[in-house]
N, C-alpha and C. Protein backbone atom coordinates (compact mmCIF):
# COMPACT_ATOMS: atom_id res chain seq x y z
N UNK A 1 26.65 -81.88 35.19
CA UNK A 1 25.38 -81.49 35.73
C UNK A 1 24.40 -82.64 35.58
N UNK A 2 23.45 -82.67 36.46
CA UNK A 2 22.41 -83.68 36.42
C UNK A 2 21.08 -82.98 36.64
N UNK A 3 20.09 -83.34 35.83
CA UNK A 3 18.79 -82.71 35.93
C UNK A 3 18.02 -83.24 37.14
N UNK A 4 17.28 -82.35 37.78
CA UNK A 4 16.45 -82.74 38.91
C UNK A 4 15.09 -83.26 38.46
N UNK A 5 14.72 -82.98 37.20
CA UNK A 5 13.46 -83.50 36.66
C UNK A 5 13.62 -83.78 35.17
N UNK A 6 12.67 -84.51 34.61
CA UNK A 6 12.79 -84.98 33.23
C UNK A 6 12.48 -83.92 32.17
N UNK A 7 11.87 -82.81 32.56
CA UNK A 7 11.49 -81.82 31.55
C UNK A 7 12.12 -80.44 31.77
N UNK A 8 13.12 -80.37 32.63
CA UNK A 8 13.79 -79.11 32.89
C UNK A 8 14.83 -78.78 31.82
N UNK A 9 15.40 -77.57 31.88
CA UNK A 9 16.36 -77.15 30.86
C UNK A 9 17.62 -78.01 30.80
N UNK A 10 18.08 -78.51 31.94
CA UNK A 10 19.27 -79.36 31.94
C UNK A 10 18.96 -80.70 31.28
N UNK A 11 17.80 -81.27 31.60
CA UNK A 11 17.39 -82.54 30.97
C UNK A 11 17.29 -82.37 29.46
N UNK A 12 16.71 -81.27 29.01
CA UNK A 12 16.57 -81.01 27.57
C UNK A 12 17.93 -80.87 26.91
N UNK A 13 18.84 -80.17 27.58
CA UNK A 13 20.19 -80.02 27.05
C UNK A 13 20.86 -81.37 26.89
N UNK A 14 20.78 -82.22 27.93
CA UNK A 14 21.42 -83.53 27.89
C UNK A 14 20.80 -84.44 26.83
N UNK A 15 19.47 -84.35 26.66
CA UNK A 15 18.80 -85.15 25.65
C UNK A 15 19.25 -84.74 24.25
N UNK A 16 19.43 -83.45 24.05
CA UNK A 16 19.79 -82.93 22.73
C UNK A 16 21.28 -83.07 22.44
N UNK A 17 22.12 -82.74 23.41
CA UNK A 17 23.57 -82.65 23.18
C UNK A 17 24.37 -83.81 23.75
N UNK A 18 23.80 -84.51 24.72
CA UNK A 18 24.57 -85.55 25.41
C UNK A 18 25.46 -84.94 26.47
N UNK A 19 26.33 -85.77 27.03
CA UNK A 19 27.23 -85.29 28.07
C UNK A 19 28.23 -84.28 27.51
N UNK A 20 28.67 -83.39 28.35
CA UNK A 20 29.65 -82.40 27.94
C UNK A 20 29.51 -81.13 28.75
N UNK A 21 30.16 -80.09 28.31
CA UNK A 21 30.13 -78.80 29.01
C UNK A 21 28.82 -78.10 28.70
N UNK A 22 28.12 -77.67 29.75
CA UNK A 22 26.90 -76.88 29.56
C UNK A 22 27.25 -75.41 29.38
N UNK A 23 28.06 -74.86 30.29
CA UNK A 23 28.51 -73.48 30.13
C UNK A 23 29.74 -73.22 30.98
N UNK A 24 30.40 -72.12 30.67
CA UNK A 24 31.58 -71.68 31.41
C UNK A 24 31.27 -70.28 31.94
N UNK A 25 31.56 -70.05 33.21
CA UNK A 25 31.30 -68.75 33.83
C UNK A 25 32.60 -68.02 34.11
N UNK A 26 32.56 -66.71 33.87
CA UNK A 26 33.70 -65.84 34.16
C UNK A 26 33.23 -64.71 35.07
N UNK A 27 33.94 -64.52 36.17
CA UNK A 27 33.63 -63.39 37.05
C UNK A 27 34.30 -62.14 36.49
N UNK A 28 33.56 -61.05 36.43
CA UNK A 28 34.07 -59.79 35.91
C UNK A 28 33.87 -58.68 36.93
N UNK A 29 34.64 -57.63 36.81
CA UNK A 29 34.54 -56.49 37.73
C UNK A 29 33.36 -55.58 37.38
N UNK A 30 33.11 -55.38 36.07
CA UNK A 30 32.05 -54.47 35.61
C UNK A 30 31.27 -55.16 34.50
N UNK A 31 30.18 -55.82 34.86
CA UNK A 31 29.44 -56.65 33.91
C UNK A 31 28.85 -55.83 32.76
N UNK A 32 28.36 -54.64 33.04
CA UNK A 32 27.77 -53.82 31.98
C UNK A 32 28.83 -53.38 30.96
N UNK A 33 30.01 -53.05 31.46
CA UNK A 33 31.11 -52.68 30.57
C UNK A 33 31.51 -53.86 29.69
N UNK A 34 31.57 -55.05 30.27
CA UNK A 34 31.93 -56.25 29.50
C UNK A 34 30.85 -56.59 28.48
N UNK A 35 29.58 -56.40 28.85
CA UNK A 35 28.49 -56.63 27.90
C UNK A 35 28.64 -55.71 26.69
N UNK A 36 28.91 -54.45 26.95
CA UNK A 36 29.08 -53.47 25.88
C UNK A 36 30.27 -53.83 24.99
N UNK A 37 31.39 -54.18 25.62
CA UNK A 37 32.60 -54.54 24.87
C UNK A 37 32.35 -55.76 23.98
N UNK A 38 31.71 -56.79 24.53
CA UNK A 38 31.46 -57.99 23.75
C UNK A 38 30.51 -57.72 22.59
N UNK A 39 29.48 -56.91 22.81
CA UNK A 39 28.56 -56.54 21.73
C UNK A 39 29.31 -55.82 20.61
N UNK A 40 30.20 -54.91 21.00
CA UNK A 40 30.99 -54.17 20.00
C UNK A 40 31.90 -55.10 19.21
N UNK A 41 32.32 -56.20 19.83
CA UNK A 41 33.18 -57.19 19.16
C UNK A 41 32.38 -58.16 18.31
N UNK A 42 31.03 -58.05 18.34
CA UNK A 42 30.19 -58.88 17.50
C UNK A 42 29.60 -60.11 18.17
N UNK A 43 29.77 -60.24 19.48
CA UNK A 43 29.17 -61.36 20.19
C UNK A 43 27.69 -61.10 20.43
N UNK A 44 26.90 -62.19 20.49
CA UNK A 44 25.47 -62.09 20.74
C UNK A 44 25.22 -62.25 22.24
N UNK A 45 25.11 -61.13 22.93
CA UNK A 45 24.85 -61.12 24.37
C UNK A 45 23.33 -61.24 24.57
N UNK A 46 22.92 -62.16 25.42
CA UNK A 46 21.49 -62.43 25.63
C UNK A 46 20.93 -61.48 26.69
N UNK A 47 20.28 -60.45 26.24
CA UNK A 47 19.67 -59.48 27.14
C UNK A 47 20.39 -58.15 27.11
N UNK A 48 19.64 -57.13 27.49
CA UNK A 48 20.21 -55.78 27.53
C UNK A 48 20.70 -55.39 28.92
N UNK A 49 20.24 -56.11 29.93
CA UNK A 49 20.63 -55.85 31.32
C UNK A 49 20.95 -57.18 32.00
N UNK A 50 21.90 -57.18 32.93
CA UNK A 50 22.16 -58.40 33.69
C UNK A 50 20.97 -58.71 34.60
N UNK A 51 20.84 -59.98 34.95
CA UNK A 51 19.77 -60.45 35.83
C UNK A 51 20.38 -60.94 37.15
N UNK A 52 19.56 -60.93 38.20
CA UNK A 52 20.03 -61.51 39.47
C UNK A 52 20.13 -63.01 39.31
N UNK A 53 21.29 -63.55 39.65
CA UNK A 53 21.53 -64.98 39.55
C UNK A 53 21.83 -65.57 40.92
N UNK A 54 22.40 -66.74 40.92
CA UNK A 54 22.73 -67.45 42.16
C UNK A 54 23.90 -66.77 42.88
N UNK A 55 24.00 -67.05 44.15
CA UNK A 55 25.14 -66.61 44.98
C UNK A 55 25.35 -65.10 44.98
N UNK A 56 24.25 -64.33 44.98
CA UNK A 56 24.34 -62.87 45.05
C UNK A 56 25.17 -62.29 43.91
N UNK A 57 24.87 -62.71 42.69
CA UNK A 57 25.62 -62.26 41.51
C UNK A 57 24.67 -61.70 40.46
N UNK A 58 25.16 -60.71 39.72
CA UNK A 58 24.53 -60.30 38.46
C UNK A 58 25.05 -61.26 37.41
N UNK A 59 24.18 -61.71 36.51
CA UNK A 59 24.60 -62.63 35.46
C UNK A 59 24.03 -62.23 34.11
N UNK A 60 24.76 -62.59 33.07
CA UNK A 60 24.31 -62.44 31.69
C UNK A 60 25.02 -63.53 30.89
N UNK A 61 24.36 -63.98 29.82
CA UNK A 61 24.91 -65.06 29.02
C UNK A 61 25.24 -64.58 27.61
N UNK A 62 26.24 -65.21 27.02
CA UNK A 62 26.63 -64.96 25.63
C UNK A 62 26.21 -66.20 24.84
N UNK A 63 25.47 -65.98 23.76
CA UNK A 63 24.89 -67.07 22.98
C UNK A 63 25.99 -67.97 22.41
N UNK A 64 25.80 -69.30 22.50
CA UNK A 64 26.81 -70.24 22.00
C UNK A 64 27.09 -70.14 20.51
N UNK A 65 26.14 -69.61 19.75
CA UNK A 65 26.39 -69.47 18.30
C UNK A 65 27.51 -68.47 18.02
N UNK A 66 27.79 -67.58 18.96
CA UNK A 66 28.87 -66.62 18.75
C UNK A 66 30.14 -66.98 19.53
N UNK A 67 30.15 -68.16 20.17
CA UNK A 67 31.31 -68.58 20.95
C UNK A 67 31.70 -70.03 20.66
N UNK A 68 31.62 -70.41 19.41
CA UNK A 68 31.99 -71.76 18.98
C UNK A 68 31.26 -72.87 19.75
N UNK A 69 29.98 -72.63 20.07
CA UNK A 69 29.14 -73.66 20.66
C UNK A 69 29.13 -73.76 22.17
N UNK A 70 29.85 -72.88 22.87
CA UNK A 70 29.89 -72.93 24.33
C UNK A 70 29.13 -71.74 24.90
N UNK A 71 28.14 -72.02 25.75
CA UNK A 71 27.42 -70.96 26.43
C UNK A 71 28.35 -70.32 27.45
N UNK A 72 28.48 -69.00 27.39
CA UNK A 72 29.35 -68.26 28.31
C UNK A 72 28.49 -67.45 29.27
N UNK A 73 28.83 -67.50 30.54
CA UNK A 73 28.15 -66.70 31.56
C UNK A 73 29.14 -65.68 32.11
N UNK A 74 28.72 -64.44 32.19
CA UNK A 74 29.47 -63.41 32.89
C UNK A 74 28.78 -63.19 34.22
N UNK A 75 29.53 -63.05 35.29
CA UNK A 75 28.92 -62.80 36.59
C UNK A 75 29.72 -61.76 37.36
N UNK A 76 28.99 -61.00 38.16
CA UNK A 76 29.60 -59.95 38.99
C UNK A 76 28.89 -59.96 40.34
N UNK A 77 29.66 -59.90 41.39
CA UNK A 77 29.06 -59.87 42.73
C UNK A 77 28.24 -58.60 42.90
N UNK A 78 27.03 -58.77 43.46
CA UNK A 78 26.17 -57.62 43.76
C UNK A 78 26.66 -57.03 45.08
N UNK A 79 26.97 -55.74 45.05
CA UNK A 79 27.48 -55.07 46.25
C UNK A 79 26.41 -54.24 46.90
């Protein structure tokens, strides 16, 4: 990834962490069910409801502190 400006979230990530993986996305069939399952397993899911994301998808993120340092994105197509 490359930042479009010097003070955006991607620029801040690169300044702090350097080059590497920003996040990994997984498409799921039922995002709310997966959120519930992950919370029950002890993962720190960011938010109580999915948000509208890019490409007509619901998205939610799992905090990197609960996934060995990798930000995880769950996404589901909005029907």
